Protein backbone atom coordinates (compact mmCIF):
# COMPACT_ATOMS: atom_id res chain seq x y z
CA MET A 1 21.21 -45.43 8.14
CA LEU A 2 19.62 -42.23 6.86
CA ARG A 3 19.67 -39.20 9.06
CA LYS A 4 16.20 -37.87 10.08
CA GLN A 5 16.24 -34.90 7.59
CA ALA A 6 17.62 -37.06 4.76
CA LYS A 7 14.82 -39.39 5.47
CA ILE A 8 12.22 -36.78 4.81
CA ALA A 9 13.28 -36.60 1.13
CA THR A 10 12.56 -40.39 0.52
CA ASP A 11 9.77 -41.25 3.10
CA PRO A 12 6.33 -39.60 2.52
CA VAL A 13 5.30 -40.17 6.14
CA ALA A 14 8.41 -38.57 7.56
CA PHE A 15 8.06 -35.65 5.14
CA ASP A 16 4.37 -35.21 6.15
CA ALA A 17 5.23 -35.05 9.81
CA PHE A 18 8.14 -32.67 9.13
CA TYR A 19 5.72 -30.48 7.02
CA ARG A 20 3.02 -30.46 9.65
CA ARG A 21 5.60 -29.53 12.47
CA HIS A 22 6.98 -26.56 10.54
CA VAL A 23 4.35 -25.28 8.02
CA ASP A 24 3.02 -22.62 10.33
CA ALA A 25 6.39 -21.26 11.37
CA VAL A 26 7.46 -21.02 7.71
CA THR A 27 4.16 -19.43 6.72
CA ARG A 28 4.67 -16.85 9.57
CA PHE A 29 8.30 -16.22 8.38
CA LEU A 30 7.12 -15.57 4.84
CA ALA A 31 4.06 -13.48 5.93
CA ARG A 32 6.36 -11.08 7.75
CA ARG A 33 8.29 -10.43 4.54
CA VAL A 34 5.59 -10.64 1.86
CA ASP A 35 2.13 -8.97 1.98
CA ASP A 36 0.44 -10.85 -0.97
CA PRO A 37 -1.44 -14.12 0.16
CA HIS A 38 -0.92 -15.80 -3.28
CA THR A 39 2.78 -15.25 -3.18
CA VAL A 40 3.00 -16.39 0.44
CA ALA A 41 1.19 -19.62 -0.45
CA ASP A 42 3.42 -20.28 -3.44
CA LEU A 43 6.62 -19.45 -1.38
CA VAL A 44 5.57 -21.95 1.33
CA ALA A 45 5.25 -24.53 -1.31
CA GLU A 46 8.61 -23.70 -2.78
CA VAL A 47 10.34 -23.90 0.50
CA PHE A 48 9.11 -27.45 1.10
CA VAL A 49 10.03 -28.45 -2.42
CA ALA A 50 13.54 -27.04 -1.67
CA VAL A 51 13.60 -28.98 1.58
CA LEU A 52 13.08 -32.23 -0.37
CA ASP A 53 16.05 -31.40 -2.58
CA SER A 54 18.40 -30.22 0.16
CA ALA A 55 17.35 -32.41 3.15
CA HIS A 56 20.86 -34.07 3.13
CA THR A 57 22.47 -30.69 3.86
CA TYR A 58 20.81 -30.34 7.29
CA ARG A 59 23.34 -30.87 10.24
CA ALA A 60 21.59 -30.98 13.60
CA ASP A 61 25.03 -30.25 15.35
CA LEU A 62 24.94 -26.73 13.75
CA GLY A 63 21.33 -25.65 14.79
CA SER A 64 17.72 -26.38 15.01
CA GLU A 65 15.45 -27.55 12.04
CA ILE A 66 13.68 -24.16 12.18
CA ALA A 67 16.99 -22.28 11.61
CA TRP A 68 17.82 -24.45 8.64
CA LEU A 69 14.37 -23.96 7.39
CA TYR A 70 14.58 -20.17 7.69
CA GLY A 71 17.77 -20.25 5.60
CA VAL A 72 15.96 -22.29 2.99
CA ALA A 73 13.01 -19.69 3.10
CA ARG A 74 15.45 -16.75 2.81
CA LYS A 75 16.97 -18.18 -0.32
CA THR A 76 13.56 -19.08 -1.65
CA ILE A 77 12.42 -15.40 -1.17
CA SER A 78 15.55 -14.02 -2.70
CA ALA A 79 15.04 -16.27 -5.70
CA GLU A 80 11.36 -15.24 -6.05
CA ARG A 81 12.29 -11.53 -5.82
CA ARG A 82 14.93 -11.91 -8.48
CA ARG A 83 12.48 -13.91 -10.65
CA ALA A 84 9.67 -11.40 -10.18
CA TYR A 85 11.97 -8.38 -10.96
CA ARG A 86 13.17 -10.02 -14.19
CA GLN A 87 9.61 -10.89 -15.18
CA HIS A 88 8.37 -7.45 -14.27
CA ARG A 89 11.09 -5.90 -16.52
CA LEU A 90 10.15 -8.17 -19.30
CA THR A 91 6.38 -8.25 -19.20
CA ASP A 92 5.32 -5.37 -16.90
CA ARG A 93 3.12 -7.74 -14.99
CA VAL A 94 3.42 -10.86 -12.77
CA GLY A 95 1.33 -13.76 -13.82
CA GLY A 96 1.13 -17.50 -13.45
CA ARG A 97 -0.36 -17.64 -10.04
CA ARG A 98 -2.60 -20.59 -9.06
CA GLU A 99 -6.06 -19.77 -7.81
CA LEU A 100 -6.73 -19.69 -4.09
CA ASP A 101 -10.21 -20.29 -2.75
CA GLY A 102 -11.81 -17.67 -0.45
CA ASP A 103 -10.88 -19.59 2.73
CA ASP A 104 -7.22 -19.76 1.70
CA VAL A 105 -7.09 -16.16 0.90
CA ALA A 106 -8.82 -15.13 4.08
CA GLU A 107 -6.48 -17.28 6.20
CA LEU A 108 -3.41 -15.83 4.48
CA GLU A 109 -4.74 -12.23 4.85
CA GLU A 110 -5.19 -12.76 8.63
CA ARG A 111 -1.53 -14.00 8.92
CA ILE A 112 -0.31 -11.16 6.85
CA ASP A 113 -2.37 -8.66 9.05
CA ALA A 114 -0.82 -10.39 12.17
CA GLU A 115 2.73 -9.81 10.85
CA ARG A 116 2.01 -6.08 10.10
CA ASP A 117 4.23 -4.90 12.92
CA ALA A 118 7.05 -7.03 11.84
CA ARG A 119 6.91 -5.42 8.33
CA ARG A 120 7.12 -2.02 10.14
CA MET A 121 10.20 -3.23 11.74
CA PHE A 122 11.72 -4.19 8.47
CA THR A 123 11.08 -0.71 7.18
CA ALA A 124 12.93 0.75 10.16
CA MET A 125 15.77 -1.64 9.52
CA ALA A 126 16.03 -0.90 5.86
CA GLY A 127 18.90 1.56 6.37
CA LEU A 128 21.17 -1.01 7.88
CA PRO A 129 23.75 -2.79 5.87
CA LYS A 130 22.42 -6.12 4.37
CA GLY A 131 24.48 -8.41 6.73
CA GLU A 132 23.55 -6.63 9.89
CA ARG A 133 19.93 -6.39 8.89
CA ALA A 134 19.79 -10.16 8.11
CA VAL A 135 21.06 -11.05 11.52
CA LEU A 136 18.87 -8.71 13.32
CA GLU A 137 15.84 -10.02 11.41
CA LEU A 138 16.47 -13.63 12.38
CA VAL A 139 17.30 -12.82 15.99
CA VAL A 140 14.72 -10.26 16.80
CA VAL A 141 11.84 -10.95 14.44
CA ASP A 142 12.19 -14.61 13.90
CA GLN A 143 13.40 -15.36 17.45
CA LEU A 144 16.45 -17.57 16.51
CA THR A 145 19.55 -17.68 18.60
CA VAL A 146 22.62 -15.91 17.28
CA THR A 147 24.09 -19.33 16.63
CA GLU A 148 20.97 -20.43 14.59
CA ALA A 149 21.02 -17.16 12.72
CA ALA A 150 24.62 -17.71 11.82
CA LEU A 151 23.67 -21.18 10.55
CA ALA A 152 20.66 -19.87 8.50
CA LEU A 153 22.95 -17.23 6.91
CA GLY A 154 25.91 -19.49 6.41
CA ILE A 155 28.30 -17.28 8.40
CA ARG A 156 30.55 -17.66 11.32
CA LEU A 157 29.06 -17.22 14.85
CA SER A 158 31.56 -14.52 15.61
CA THR A 159 30.58 -12.58 12.44
CA ALA A 160 26.93 -12.90 13.46
CA LYS A 161 27.50 -11.53 16.88
CA VAL A 162 29.46 -8.52 15.54
CA ARG A 163 26.75 -7.79 12.97
CA LEU A 164 24.06 -8.02 15.65
CA HIS A 165 25.86 -5.71 17.88
CA ARG A 166 26.33 -3.07 15.17
CA ALA A 167 22.66 -3.31 14.18
CA ARG A 168 21.46 -2.99 17.72
CA ARG A 169 23.89 -0.02 18.26
CA THR A 170 22.57 1.78 15.15
CA LEU A 171 18.94 1.23 16.05
CA ARG A 172 19.24 1.41 19.88
CA ASN A 173 16.42 4.01 20.17
CA LEU A 174 13.84 1.58 18.67
CA PRO A 175 12.19 -0.71 21.41
CA PHE A 176 12.16 -3.85 19.45
CA VAL A 177 15.95 -4.20 18.73
CA MET A 178 17.10 -5.37 22.05
CA SER A 179 14.59 -8.23 22.21
CA GLY A 180 15.34 -11.69 20.62
CA ALA A 181 17.17 -14.78 21.54
CA SER A 182 20.80 -15.00 22.57
CA GLY A 183 23.37 -17.68 22.18
């Protein structure tokens, strides 16, 4: 018998339900990190394509679907940033975007505006080492538990806890760093 997540790769009805259940959270996650509506729309699509390819890797015993999805989204953003950098270096412009209609752009702009404070937080966290920043983002901004953040990052729970502690100690004077899920 196929596990629930593996089933989404072969059953269009299961995938549609999974997509509808998580598309808003994935869009918010991406809008916190990207300020262009076209790129956010493209990345949301890429995340769910990647989900189809990697559905068999999800293990419910290691964390929630959303933690797994955020891990997929982080990898998708990283791949996009590498691709855009390479393309920028080669062509000095980014192209190949699909056209969005006015309603799509307006909706994405609203989501991007709603995540403005989160992008400010990322600026404040920019001086942290990469690993500490990643755990802090997932726990404080994305509201994952430390266990789920460890899963999303592919690290041990103890490593995630140490990184979170260090990040919070470094940024202890900023009000947002002590919020977020525990566990």
